[in-house]
Amino acid sequence: MASPPLPASVLDLAPVVPVVVVEDAADAVPLARALVAGGLPAIEVTLRTPAALEAIRDIAREVPGAVVGAGTVLRPGQVAEAVAAGSRFLVSPGWTDLLLEAMRASGVPFLPGVSTASEVVALLERGVREMKFFPAQAAGGTAYLKSLSGPLPQARFCPTGGIGPDSAPDYLALPNVGCVGGSWMLPQEAVAARDWGRVEALARAASALSAGGTCR
């Protein structure tokens, strides 16, 4: 299976982007295959563990149906490392001008993180229209994003943080939300047991989510 072409927007790959923390690089490929088989090709591997870059490298090389990206990008140096490992998009929980410059220069799509209207306006001033809204639930949830859609309709978001299968449709119903990020399709006990069949089933249910909770 060939790698999906990267669309103009990461937000349009799937309704849900799995946020993956890989502790053991040996799990990366079967985990990614389960997610892709379940209909979730965009996979954000967070740079929170020593295994993360190896996991990205392995997924990029061995799971052609995946569009693997790096999450929790905090420093310009991590941008270069992640892209060299095969990341096809970048996600950060927040941003600075230095980090934004590095992500823009990388040549791959990126989602800088915001949690306030001022941060959104600052990114719009810099020509960035697609962002991660984090931590979504703690920062005001759907009510806050809905409030932003009036004065700032040009901004689009991938809300992440505290979102599950019950709340995801409410986010997806908003006009300024392209997709949501989450990890509920990767329950800790299933990953620990390497129960990739369960991961695939949960991914399939997540891929069918839409604003009404049905396939879109």
N, C-alpha and C. Protein backbone atom coordinates (compact mmCIF):
# COMPACT_ATOMS: atom_id res chain seq x y z
N MET A 1 0.85 -1.18 0.00
CA MET A 1 0.00 0.00 0.00
C MET A 1 0.89 1.24 0.00
N ALA A 2 0.65 2.13 -0.92
CA ALA A 2 1.46 3.33 -1.03
C ALA A 2 1.08 4.32 0.07
N SER A 3 2.04 5.18 0.41
CA SER A 3 1.76 6.21 1.40
C SER A 3 0.72 7.17 0.86
N PRO A 4 -0.26 7.57 1.67
CA PRO A 4 -1.25 8.53 1.21
C PRO A 4 -0.56 9.84 0.87
N PRO A 5 -0.97 10.48 -0.21
CA PRO A 5 -0.40 11.80 -0.49
C PRO A 5 -0.78 12.77 0.62
N LEU A 6 0.16 13.61 1.00
CA LEU A 6 -0.12 14.56 2.05
C LEU A 6 -1.01 15.66 1.49
N PRO A 7 -2.20 15.88 2.07
CA PRO A 7 -3.09 16.91 1.55
C PRO A 7 -2.57 18.30 1.89
N ALA A 8 -3.24 19.30 1.38
CA ALA A 8 -2.84 20.67 1.69
C ALA A 8 -2.91 20.92 3.19
N SER A 9 -3.78 20.18 3.88
CA SER A 9 -3.95 20.38 5.32
C SER A 9 -3.88 19.06 6.07
N VAL A 10 -3.11 19.03 7.13
CA VAL A 10 -3.08 17.87 8.02
C VAL A 10 -4.45 17.64 8.63
N LEU A 11 -5.21 18.73 8.80
CA LEU A 11 -6.51 18.64 9.44
C LEU A 11 -7.52 17.84 8.61
N ASP A 12 -7.20 17.59 7.34
CA ASP A 12 -8.14 16.91 6.47
C ASP A 12 -7.82 15.43 6.25
N LEU A 13 -6.83 14.90 6.94
CA LEU A 13 -6.45 13.50 6.75
C LEU A 13 -7.49 12.53 7.32
N ALA A 14 -8.01 12.84 8.49
CA ALA A 14 -8.97 11.96 9.17
C ALA A 14 -9.62 12.78 10.27
N PRO A 15 -10.81 12.36 10.74
CA PRO A 15 -11.45 13.11 11.82
C PRO A 15 -10.69 13.05 13.13
N VAL A 16 -9.85 12.03 13.31
CA VAL A 16 -9.10 11.86 14.55
C VAL A 16 -7.64 11.58 14.23
N VAL A 17 -6.75 12.27 14.93
CA VAL A 17 -5.31 12.01 14.85
C VAL A 17 -4.89 11.34 16.16
N PRO A 18 -4.50 10.07 16.11
CA PRO A 18 -4.05 9.41 17.34
C PRO A 18 -2.77 10.07 17.86
N VAL A 19 -2.76 10.33 19.16
CA VAL A 19 -1.57 10.89 19.82
C VAL A 19 -0.90 9.74 20.56
N VAL A 20 0.29 9.36 20.09
CA VAL A 20 0.93 8.11 20.50
C VAL A 20 2.18 8.39 21.31
N VAL A 21 2.27 7.77 22.47
CA VAL A 21 3.50 7.79 23.27
C VAL A 21 4.10 6.39 23.20
N VAL A 22 5.25 6.28 22.55
CA VAL A 22 5.88 4.97 22.34
C VAL A 22 6.98 4.77 23.38
N GLU A 23 6.79 3.79 24.25
CA GLU A 23 7.81 3.47 25.25
C GLU A 23 8.81 2.46 24.71
N ASP A 24 8.34 1.54 23.88
CA ASP A 24 9.17 0.49 23.31
C ASP A 24 9.09 0.59 21.79
N ALA A 25 10.21 0.90 21.14
CA ALA A 25 10.21 1.10 19.69
C ALA A 25 9.72 -0.14 18.95
N ALA A 26 9.84 -1.31 19.56
CA ALA A 26 9.37 -2.53 18.91
C ALA A 26 7.86 -2.53 18.71
N ASP A 27 7.15 -1.72 19.47
CA ASP A 27 5.69 -1.66 19.34
C ASP A 27 5.24 -0.72 18.22
N ALA A 28 6.14 0.12 17.74
CA ALA A 28 5.73 1.20 16.84
C ALA A 28 5.08 0.69 15.56
N VAL A 29 5.69 -0.26 14.89
CA VAL A 29 5.18 -0.71 13.60
C VAL A 29 3.85 -1.44 13.73
N PRO A 30 3.72 -2.45 14.62
CA PRO A 30 2.40 -3.10 14.73
C PRO A 30 1.31 -2.16 15.22
N LEU A 31 1.65 -1.22 16.08
CA LEU A 31 0.68 -0.25 16.56
C LEU A 31 0.21 0.64 15.40
N ALA A 32 1.16 1.11 14.61
CA ALA A 32 0.81 1.96 13.47
C ALA A 32 -0.01 1.19 12.44
N ARG A 33 0.35 -0.06 12.20
CA ARG A 33 -0.42 -0.87 11.25
C ARG A 33 -1.86 -1.04 11.71
N ALA A 34 -2.05 -1.21 13.01
CA ALA A 34 -3.41 -1.35 13.55
C ALA A 34 -4.20 -0.06 13.36
N LEU A 35 -3.57 1.08 13.61
CA LEU A 35 -4.25 2.36 13.44
C LEU A 35 -4.62 2.60 11.97
N VAL A 36 -3.69 2.32 11.08
CA VAL A 36 -3.96 2.52 9.65
C VAL A 36 -5.07 1.58 9.18
N ALA A 37 -5.01 0.31 9.62
CA ALA A 37 -6.06 -0.65 9.25
C ALA A 37 -7.42 -0.21 9.75
N GLY A 38 -7.43 0.53 10.86
CA GLY A 38 -8.68 1.03 11.41
C GLY A 38 -9.15 2.33 10.77
N GLY A 39 -8.38 2.86 9.84
CA GLY A 39 -8.80 4.06 9.13
C GLY A 39 -8.23 5.36 9.64
N LEU A 40 -7.17 5.29 10.45
CA LEU A 40 -6.54 6.50 10.98
C LEU A 40 -5.10 6.58 10.46
N PRO A 41 -4.89 7.16 9.29
CA PRO A 41 -3.54 7.18 8.70
C PRO A 41 -2.59 8.19 9.33
N ALA A 42 -3.12 9.30 9.85
CA ALA A 42 -2.26 10.33 10.46
C ALA A 42 -1.95 9.93 11.89
N ILE A 43 -0.67 9.77 12.21
CA ILE A 43 -0.25 9.28 13.52
C ILE A 43 0.77 10.25 14.10
N GLU A 44 0.43 10.85 15.23
CA GLU A 44 1.33 11.78 15.90
C GLU A 44 2.09 11.04 16.99
N VAL A 45 3.38 10.85 16.79
CA VAL A 45 4.24 10.22 17.78
C VAL A 45 4.90 11.33 18.60
N THR A 46 4.60 11.38 19.88
CA THR A 46 5.11 12.46 20.70
C THR A 46 6.58 12.24 21.05
N LEU A 47 7.33 13.32 21.07
CA LEU A 47 8.76 13.24 21.38
C LEU A 47 8.97 13.30 22.90
N ARG A 48 8.28 12.42 23.60
CA ARG A 48 8.34 12.41 25.07
C ARG A 48 9.20 11.28 25.61
N THR A 49 9.59 10.35 24.75
CA THR A 49 10.33 9.19 25.21
C THR A 49 11.59 9.00 24.37
N PRO A 50 12.58 8.30 24.89
CA PRO A 50 13.80 8.03 24.12
C PRO A 50 13.53 7.22 22.85
N ALA A 51 12.41 6.50 22.83
CA ALA A 51 12.11 5.64 21.67
C ALA A 51 11.41 6.38 20.54
N ALA A 52 11.05 7.65 20.74
CA ALA A 52 10.16 8.33 19.80
C ALA A 52 10.74 8.46 18.39
N LEU A 53 11.98 8.92 18.27
CA LEU A 53 12.56 9.11 16.93
C LEU A 53 12.73 7.79 16.20
N GLU A 54 13.15 6.76 16.92
CA GLU A 54 13.26 5.43 16.30
C GLU A 54 11.88 4.95 15.85
N ALA A 55 10.87 5.20 16.67
CA ALA A 55 9.51 4.81 16.30
C ALA A 55 9.06 5.51 15.03
N ILE A 56 9.31 6.80 14.94
CA ILE A 56 8.95 7.55 13.73
C ILE A 56 9.68 6.99 12.53
N ARG A 57 10.96 6.72 12.70
CA ARG A 57 11.77 6.18 11.60
C ARG A 57 11.22 4.84 11.13
N ASP A 58 10.89 3.97 12.06
CA ASP A 58 10.38 2.64 11.70
C ASP A 58 9.02 2.72 11.03
N ILE A 59 8.14 3.56 11.54
CA ILE A 59 6.81 3.70 10.94
C ILE A 59 6.93 4.26 9.53
N ALA A 60 7.76 5.28 9.37
CA ALA A 60 7.94 5.89 8.05
C ALA A 60 8.47 4.88 7.04
N ARG A 61 9.33 3.97 7.49
CA ARG A 61 9.96 3.01 6.60
C ARG A 61 9.10 1.78 6.34
N GLU A 62 8.34 1.34 7.36
CA GLU A 62 7.70 0.03 7.28
C GLU A 62 6.17 0.06 7.20
N VAL A 63 5.56 1.23 7.37
CA VAL A 63 4.10 1.31 7.31
C VAL A 63 3.72 2.34 6.25
N PRO A 64 3.74 1.94 4.98
CA PRO A 64 3.53 2.91 3.91
C PRO A 64 2.16 3.57 3.93
N GLY A 65 1.17 2.96 4.57
CA GLY A 65 -0.14 3.58 4.64
C GLY A 65 -0.25 4.68 5.67
N ALA A 66 0.80 4.86 6.47
CA ALA A 66 0.77 5.84 7.54
C ALA A 66 1.33 7.19 7.09
N VAL A 67 0.78 8.24 7.66
CA VAL A 67 1.37 9.58 7.57
C VAL A 67 1.82 9.92 8.98
N VAL A 68 3.09 9.67 9.27
CA VAL A 68 3.58 9.80 10.63
C VAL A 68 4.12 11.21 10.85
N GLY A 69 3.79 11.75 12.02
CA GLY A 69 4.29 13.06 12.39
C GLY A 69 4.86 13.05 13.79
N ALA A 70 5.51 14.14 14.15
CA ALA A 70 6.10 14.27 15.47
C ALA A 70 5.31 15.26 16.30
N GLY A 71 5.00 14.88 17.53
CA GLY A 71 4.30 15.77 18.45
C GLY A 71 5.19 16.16 19.61
N THR A 72 4.72 17.08 20.43
CA THR A 72 5.49 17.62 21.55
C THR A 72 6.84 18.15 21.06
N VAL A 73 6.82 18.84 19.93
CA VAL A 73 8.02 19.48 19.41
C VAL A 73 8.20 20.79 20.18
N LEU A 74 9.31 20.89 20.88
CA LEU A 74 9.52 22.02 21.79
C LEU A 74 10.70 22.91 21.39
N ARG A 75 11.66 22.36 20.64
CA ARG A 75 12.88 23.10 20.33
C ARG A 75 13.19 23.03 18.83
N PRO A 76 13.82 24.05 18.28
CA PRO A 76 14.18 24.01 16.86
C PRO A 76 14.98 22.78 16.48
N GLY A 77 15.87 22.33 17.36
CA GLY A 77 16.66 21.14 17.05
C GLY A 77 15.81 19.90 16.86
N GLN A 78 14.72 19.81 17.58
CA GLN A 78 13.84 18.66 17.43
C GLN A 78 13.15 18.65 16.07
N VAL A 79 12.94 19.82 15.50
CA VAL A 79 12.32 19.90 14.18
C VAL A 79 13.18 19.16 13.16
N ALA A 80 14.46 19.47 13.14
CA ALA A 80 15.38 18.83 12.19
C ALA A 80 15.47 17.33 12.44
N GLU A 81 15.54 16.94 13.71
CA GLU A 81 15.63 15.51 14.03
C GLU A 81 14.38 14.76 13.59
N ALA A 82 13.22 15.36 13.83
CA ALA A 82 11.96 14.69 13.50
C ALA A 82 11.80 14.54 11.99
N VAL A 83 12.13 15.58 11.25
CA VAL A 83 12.00 15.51 9.79
C VAL A 83 13.01 14.51 9.21
N ALA A 84 14.22 14.50 9.76
CA ALA A 84 15.23 13.54 9.31
C ALA A 84 14.79 12.10 9.56
N ALA A 85 14.02 11.89 10.63
CA ALA A 85 13.53 10.54 10.96
C ALA A 85 12.37 10.12 10.08
N GLY A 86 11.76 11.07 9.37
CA GLY A 86 10.65 10.72 8.47
C GLY A 86 9.33 11.38 8.80
N SER A 87 9.32 12.30 9.74
CA SER A 87 8.06 12.98 10.09
C SER A 87 7.53 13.77 8.90
N ARG A 88 6.25 13.62 8.65
CA ARG A 88 5.62 14.33 7.54
C ARG A 88 4.76 15.48 8.01
N PHE A 89 4.67 15.67 9.33
CA PHE A 89 4.06 16.87 9.89
C PHE A 89 4.59 17.03 11.31
N LEU A 90 4.43 18.24 11.86
CA LEU A 90 4.95 18.57 13.18
C LEU A 90 3.84 19.20 14.02
N VAL A 91 3.83 18.88 15.32
CA VAL A 91 2.83 19.43 16.23
C VAL A 91 3.54 19.88 17.50
N SER A 92 3.21 21.07 17.97
CA SER A 92 3.79 21.55 19.22
C SER A 92 2.67 21.95 20.18
N PRO A 93 2.90 21.84 21.50
CA PRO A 93 1.88 22.25 22.45
C PRO A 93 1.77 23.76 22.59
N GLY A 94 2.79 24.47 22.15
CA GLY A 94 2.82 25.92 22.18
C GLY A 94 3.81 26.39 21.13
N TRP A 95 4.13 27.68 21.14
CA TRP A 95 5.07 28.15 20.12
C TRP A 95 5.81 29.40 20.59
N THR A 96 6.98 29.58 20.00
CA THR A 96 7.74 30.82 20.11
C THR A 96 8.12 31.20 18.68
N ASP A 97 8.60 32.41 18.48
CA ASP A 97 9.02 32.81 17.13
C ASP A 97 10.15 31.94 16.63
N LEU A 98 11.06 31.56 17.51
CA LEU A 98 12.19 30.71 17.12
C LEU A 98 11.72 29.34 16.65
N LEU A 99 10.81 28.74 17.42
CA LEU A 99 10.28 27.43 17.05
C LEU A 99 9.45 27.52 15.78
N LEU A 100 8.64 28.57 15.68
CA LEU A 100 7.81 28.75 14.49
C LEU A 100 8.66 28.89 13.24
N GLU A 101 9.76 29.63 13.35
CA GLU A 101 10.66 29.80 12.21
C GLU A 101 11.25 28.47 11.77
N ALA A 102 11.64 27.63 12.73
CA ALA A 102 12.20 26.32 12.40
C ALA A 102 11.15 25.41 11.76
N MET A 103 9.94 25.43 12.28
CA MET A 103 8.89 24.59 11.70
C MET A 103 8.53 25.05 10.29
N ARG A 104 8.48 26.35 10.09
CA ARG A 104 8.17 26.86 8.76
C ARG A 104 9.27 26.50 7.76
N ALA A 105 10.52 26.54 8.21
CA ALA A 105 11.65 26.24 7.33
C ALA A 105 11.78 24.74 7.03
N SER A 106 11.09 23.90 7.81
CA SER A 106 11.23 22.45 7.65
C SER A 106 10.66 21.94 6.33
N GLY A 107 9.69 22.65 5.78
CA GLY A 107 9.07 22.22 4.53
C GLY A 107 7.93 21.24 4.71
N VAL A 108 7.61 20.87 5.95
CA VAL A 108 6.47 19.98 6.19
C VAL A 108 5.39 20.76 6.92
N PRO A 109 4.12 20.33 6.81
CA PRO A 109 3.04 21.02 7.52
C PRO A 109 3.25 20.98 9.03
N PHE A 110 2.76 21.98 9.72
CA PHE A 110 2.94 22.04 11.17
C PHE A 110 1.71 22.67 11.82
N LEU A 111 1.50 22.27 13.08
CA LEU A 111 0.39 22.79 13.88
C LEU A 111 0.96 23.32 15.20
N PRO A 112 1.20 24.62 15.30
CA PRO A 112 1.64 25.19 16.56
C PRO A 112 0.49 25.27 17.55
N GLY A 113 0.78 25.08 18.82
CA GLY A 113 -0.27 25.04 19.82
C GLY A 113 -0.66 26.40 20.36
N VAL A 114 -1.95 26.58 20.60
CA VAL A 114 -2.49 27.81 21.18
C VAL A 114 -3.55 27.45 22.22
N SER A 115 -3.78 28.38 23.15
CA SER A 115 -4.87 28.20 24.10
C SER A 115 -5.59 29.51 24.40
N THR A 116 -5.17 30.61 23.75
CA THR A 116 -5.82 31.91 23.98
C THR A 116 -6.06 32.62 22.66
N ALA A 117 -6.98 33.57 22.68
CA ALA A 117 -7.28 34.36 21.49
C ALA A 117 -6.06 35.16 21.05
N SER A 118 -5.29 35.67 22.00
CA SER A 118 -4.11 36.47 21.65
C SER A 118 -3.08 35.63 20.89
N GLU A 119 -2.91 34.37 21.30
CA GLU A 119 -1.98 33.50 20.59
C GLU A 119 -2.48 33.21 19.18
N VAL A 120 -3.77 33.05 19.02
CA VAL A 120 -4.33 32.83 17.68
C VAL A 120 -4.09 34.05 16.80
N VAL A 121 -4.37 35.24 17.32
CA VAL A 121 -4.16 36.47 16.55
C VAL A 121 -2.69 36.61 16.16
N ALA A 122 -1.78 36.31 17.10
CA ALA A 122 -0.35 36.42 16.81
C ALA A 122 0.06 35.48 15.67
N LEU A 123 -0.49 34.26 15.66
CA LEU A 123 -0.16 33.34 14.57
C LEU A 123 -0.77 33.80 13.25
N LEU A 124 -1.99 34.31 13.29
CA LEU A 124 -2.61 34.82 12.07
C LEU A 124 -1.77 35.96 11.48
N GLU A 125 -1.24 36.80 12.35
CA GLU A 125 -0.35 37.88 11.89
C GLU A 125 0.87 37.33 11.16
N ARG A 126 1.30 36.14 11.55
CA ARG A 126 2.48 35.52 10.97
C ARG A 126 2.13 34.59 9.81
N GLY A 127 0.88 34.61 9.39
CA GLY A 127 0.47 33.83 8.23
C GLY A 127 0.11 32.39 8.50
N VAL A 128 -0.05 32.02 9.77
CA VAL A 128 -0.39 30.65 10.14
C VAL A 128 -1.88 30.60 10.45
N ARG A 129 -2.59 29.72 9.77
CA ARG A 129 -4.04 29.63 9.96
C ARG A 129 -4.49 28.31 10.57
N GLU A 130 -3.61 27.33 10.66
CA GLU A 130 -3.98 26.03 11.21
C GLU A 130 -3.17 25.78 12.46
N MET A 131 -3.85 25.41 13.54
CA MET A 131 -3.23 25.35 14.85
C MET A 131 -3.76 24.18 15.66
N LYS A 132 -2.99 23.82 16.68
CA LYS A 132 -3.45 22.87 17.68
C LYS A 132 -4.04 23.68 18.85
N PHE A 133 -5.23 23.32 19.29
CA PHE A 133 -5.83 23.95 20.47
C PHE A 133 -5.59 23.03 21.65
N PHE A 134 -4.74 23.48 22.59
CA PHE A 134 -4.29 22.60 23.67
C PHE A 134 -4.05 23.42 24.94
N PRO A 135 -4.41 22.85 26.11
CA PRO A 135 -5.16 21.60 26.34
C PRO A 135 -6.65 21.87 26.17
N ALA A 136 -7.27 21.21 25.25
CA ALA A 136 -8.61 21.58 24.79
C ALA A 136 -9.65 21.69 25.90
N GLN A 137 -9.82 20.62 26.65
CA GLN A 137 -10.87 20.64 27.68
C GLN A 137 -10.56 21.66 28.77
N ALA A 138 -9.31 21.67 29.23
CA ALA A 138 -8.93 22.58 30.31
C ALA A 138 -8.94 24.05 29.87
N ALA A 139 -8.74 24.29 28.57
CA ALA A 139 -8.66 25.66 28.06
C ALA A 139 -10.00 26.24 27.66
N GLY A 140 -11.08 25.51 27.87
CA GLY A 140 -12.40 26.06 27.58
C GLY A 140 -13.26 25.21 26.68
N GLY A 141 -12.67 24.16 26.09
CA GLY A 141 -13.45 23.19 25.32
C GLY A 141 -14.19 23.77 24.13
N THR A 142 -15.31 23.14 23.83
CA THR A 142 -16.08 23.53 22.65
C THR A 142 -16.64 24.94 22.77
N ALA A 143 -17.00 25.35 23.98
CA ALA A 143 -17.55 26.70 24.16
C ALA A 143 -16.54 27.76 23.78
N TYR A 144 -15.28 27.55 24.15
CA TYR A 144 -14.24 28.53 23.83
C TYR A 144 -13.98 28.56 22.33
N LEU A 145 -13.86 27.40 21.71
CA LEU A 145 -13.61 27.35 20.27
C LEU A 145 -14.77 27.96 19.49
N LYS A 146 -15.99 27.71 19.94
CA LYS A 146 -17.14 28.31 19.28
C LYS A 146 -17.09 29.83 19.37
N SER A 147 -16.65 30.34 20.50
CA SER A 147 -16.53 31.78 20.68
C SER A 147 -15.48 32.37 19.74
N LEU A 148 -14.42 31.62 19.47
CA LEU A 148 -13.37 32.10 18.58
C LEU A 148 -13.81 32.15 17.12
N SER A 149 -14.78 31.31 16.75
CA SER A 149 -15.15 31.19 15.34
C SER A 149 -15.78 32.47 14.80
N GLY A 150 -16.39 33.29 15.66
CA GLY A 150 -17.00 34.53 15.19
C GLY A 150 -15.98 35.57 14.78
N PRO A 151 -15.11 36.01 15.71
CA PRO A 151 -14.14 37.04 15.36
C PRO A 151 -12.94 36.53 14.56
N LEU A 152 -12.67 35.24 14.63
CA LEU A 152 -11.47 34.69 13.99
C LEU A 152 -11.82 33.48 13.12
N PRO A 153 -12.70 33.66 12.13
CA PRO A 153 -13.16 32.52 11.34
C PRO A 153 -12.09 31.91 10.45
N GLN A 154 -11.01 32.65 10.22
CA GLN A 154 -9.96 32.15 9.33
C GLN A 154 -9.06 31.12 10.01
N ALA A 155 -9.14 30.99 11.33
CA ALA A 155 -8.32 30.03 12.05
C ALA A 155 -9.02 28.68 12.12
N ARG A 156 -8.25 27.60 11.87
CA ARG A 156 -8.77 26.24 11.98
C ARG A 156 -7.94 25.49 13.01
N PHE A 157 -8.59 24.55 13.70
CA PHE A 157 -7.95 23.92 14.84
C PHE A 157 -8.03 22.40 14.82
N CYS A 158 -7.02 21.81 15.48
CA CYS A 158 -7.07 20.41 15.91
C CYS A 158 -7.02 20.43 17.43
N PRO A 159 -8.17 20.43 18.09
CA PRO A 159 -8.17 20.41 19.56
C PRO A 159 -7.67 19.07 20.09
N THR A 160 -6.85 19.13 21.12
CA THR A 160 -6.25 17.94 21.73
C THR A 160 -6.13 18.17 23.22
N GLY A 161 -6.39 17.13 23.99
CA GLY A 161 -6.23 17.23 25.43
C GLY A 161 -7.55 17.01 26.15
N GLY A 162 -7.73 15.80 26.68
CA GLY A 162 -8.94 15.48 27.42
C GLY A 162 -10.13 15.11 26.56
N ILE A 163 -9.91 14.88 25.27
CA ILE A 163 -11.02 14.55 24.37
C ILE A 163 -11.14 13.04 24.25
N GLY A 164 -12.38 12.54 24.26
CA GLY A 164 -12.65 11.13 24.12
C GLY A 164 -13.74 10.90 23.09
N PRO A 165 -14.16 9.65 22.91
CA PRO A 165 -15.15 9.35 21.87
C PRO A 165 -16.50 10.01 22.11
N ASP A 166 -16.83 10.32 23.35
CA ASP A 166 -18.11 10.96 23.63
C ASP A 166 -18.09 12.46 23.31
N SER A 167 -16.96 13.11 23.55
CA SER A 167 -16.88 14.56 23.32
C SER A 167 -16.39 14.91 21.93
N ALA A 168 -15.71 13.99 21.24
CA ALA A 168 -15.15 14.30 19.92
C ALA A 168 -16.19 14.81 18.93
N PRO A 169 -17.40 14.20 18.84
CA PRO A 169 -18.38 14.71 17.87
C PRO A 169 -18.78 16.16 18.12
N ASP A 170 -18.79 16.60 19.38
CA ASP A 170 -19.13 17.99 19.68
C ASP A 170 -18.07 18.94 19.12
N TYR A 171 -16.82 18.54 19.22
CA TYR A 171 -15.74 19.34 18.63
C TYR A 171 -15.84 19.34 17.10
N LEU A 172 -16.07 18.17 16.53
CA LEU A 172 -16.11 18.04 15.07
C LEU A 172 -17.28 18.80 14.46
N ALA A 173 -18.28 19.12 15.28
CA ALA A 173 -19.43 19.87 14.78
C ALA A 173 -19.12 21.35 14.59
N LEU A 174 -18.02 21.82 15.17
CA LEU A 174 -17.68 23.24 15.09
C LEU A 174 -17.09 23.58 13.72
N PRO A 175 -17.43 24.74 13.16
CA PRO A 175 -16.96 25.09 11.82
C PRO A 175 -15.47 25.34 11.75
N ASN A 176 -14.83 25.64 12.88
CA ASN A 176 -13.39 25.92 12.86
C ASN A 176 -12.54 24.75 13.33
N VAL A 177 -13.14 23.56 13.42
CA VAL A 177 -12.40 22.35 13.81
C VAL A 177 -12.31 21.41 12.61
N GLY A 178 -11.07 21.05 12.26
CA GLY A 178 -10.88 20.11 11.15
C GLY A 178 -10.78 18.67 11.61
N CYS A 179 -10.19 18.46 12.78
CA CYS A 179 -10.05 17.11 13.34
C CYS A 179 -9.75 17.29 14.82
N VAL A 180 -9.71 16.18 15.54
CA VAL A 180 -9.34 16.21 16.95
C VAL A 180 -8.18 15.24 17.17
N GLY A 181 -7.41 15.51 18.21
CA GLY A 181 -6.35 14.58 18.59
C GLY A 181 -6.74 13.87 19.87
N GLY A 182 -6.33 12.61 19.99
CA GLY A 182 -6.67 11.86 21.18
C GLY A 182 -5.93 10.55 21.25
N SER A 183 -6.03 9.91 22.39
CA SER A 183 -5.32 8.64 22.58
C SER A 183 -6.24 7.54 23.10
N TRP A 184 -7.56 7.77 23.05
CA TRP A 184 -8.47 6.78 23.63
C TRP A 184 -8.48 5.47 22.87
N MET A 185 -8.05 5.49 21.61
CA MET A 185 -8.00 4.24 20.84
C MET A 185 -6.74 3.43 21.17
N LEU A 186 -5.95 3.93 22.12
CA LEU A 186 -4.72 3.26 22.53
C LEU A 186 -4.71 3.07 24.05
N PRO A 187 -5.69 2.33 24.58
CA PRO A 187 -5.71 2.12 26.04
C PRO A 187 -4.43 1.44 26.51
N GLN A 188 -3.94 1.89 27.64
CA GLN A 188 -2.65 1.42 28.14
C GLN A 188 -2.58 -0.09 28.26
N GLU A 189 -3.67 -0.70 28.73
CA GLU A 189 -3.63 -2.15 28.91
C GLU A 189 -3.58 -2.89 27.59
N ALA A 190 -4.21 -2.33 26.54
CA ALA A 190 -4.17 -2.98 25.22
C ALA A 190 -2.78 -2.90 24.63
N VAL A 191 -2.12 -1.74 24.77
CA VAL A 191 -0.76 -1.59 24.25
C VAL A 191 0.20 -2.49 25.02
N ALA A 192 0.05 -2.53 26.34
CA ALA A 192 0.92 -3.37 27.16
C ALA A 192 0.78 -4.84 26.79
N ALA A 193 -0.45 -5.25 26.46
CA ALA A 193 -0.70 -6.64 26.08
C ALA A 193 -0.46 -6.89 24.60
N ARG A 194 -0.10 -5.82 23.88
CA ARG A 194 0.08 -5.89 22.42
C ARG A 194 -1.17 -6.46 21.74
N ASP A 195 -2.32 -5.99 22.23
CA ASP A 195 -3.60 -6.40 21.67
C ASP A 195 -3.94 -5.46 20.51
N TRP A 196 -3.28 -5.69 19.39
CA TRP A 196 -3.43 -4.79 18.24
C TRP A 196 -4.80 -4.92 17.60
N GLY A 197 -5.46 -6.05 17.79
CA GLY A 197 -6.83 -6.20 17.28
C GLY A 197 -7.78 -5.24 17.96
N ARG A 198 -7.59 -5.05 19.26
CA ARG A 198 -8.44 -4.11 19.98
C ARG A 198 -8.14 -2.68 19.55
N VAL A 199 -6.87 -2.37 19.36
CA VAL A 199 -6.49 -1.04 18.89
C VAL A 199 -7.11 -0.77 17.53
N GLU A 200 -7.06 -1.74 16.64
CA GLU A 200 -7.66 -1.57 15.31
C GLU A 200 -9.16 -1.33 15.41
N ALA A 201 -9.84 -2.08 16.27
CA ALA A 201 -11.29 -1.90 16.42
C ALA A 201 -11.63 -0.52 16.97
N LEU A 202 -10.87 -0.06 17.94
CA LEU A 202 -11.11 1.28 18.50
C LEU A 202 -10.78 2.36 17.47
N ALA A 203 -9.75 2.13 16.67
CA ALA A 203 -9.40 3.09 15.62
C ALA A 203 -10.50 3.15 14.57
N ARG A 204 -11.07 2.01 14.24
CA ARG A 204 -12.14 2.00 13.25
C ARG A 204 -13.35 2.79 13.74
N ALA A 205 -13.67 2.64 15.01
CA ALA A 205 -14.78 3.41 15.58
C ALA A 205 -14.46 4.90 15.57
N ALA A 206 -13.21 5.25 15.87
CA ALA A 206 -12.82 6.66 15.87
C ALA A 206 -12.85 7.24 14.47
N SER A 207 -12.45 6.46 13.48
CA SER A 207 -12.42 6.96 12.10
C SER A 207 -13.82 7.23 11.57
N ALA A 208 -14.82 6.63 12.20
CA ALA A 208 -16.21 6.84 11.75
C ALA A 208 -16.87 8.02 12.44
N LEU A 209 -16.18 8.66 13.37
CA LEU A 209 -16.78 9.79 14.09
C LEU A 209 -16.95 10.98 13.18
N SER A 210 -18.00 11.71 13.44
CA SER A 210 -18.24 12.99 12.74
C SER A 210 -19.03 13.86 13.69
N ALA A 211 -19.49 14.99 13.19
CA ALA A 211 -20.23 15.91 14.04
C ALA A 211 -21.48 15.27 14.63
N GLY A 212 -22.04 14.31 13.93
CA GLY A 212 -23.22 13.65 14.45
C GLY A 212 -22.94 12.30 15.04
N GLY A 213 -21.65 11.93 15.08
CA GLY A 213 -21.27 10.64 15.60
C GLY A 213 -21.36 9.54 14.57
N THR A 214 -21.57 9.91 13.30
CA THR A 214 -21.65 8.92 12.24
C THR A 214 -20.56 9.18 11.22
N CYS A 215 -20.42 8.27 10.28
CA CYS A 215 -19.39 8.41 9.26
C CYS A 215 -19.58 9.69 8.48
N ARG A 216 -18.48 10.31 8.17
CA ARG A 216 -18.56 11.52 7.35
C ARG A 216 -17.71 11.36 6.11
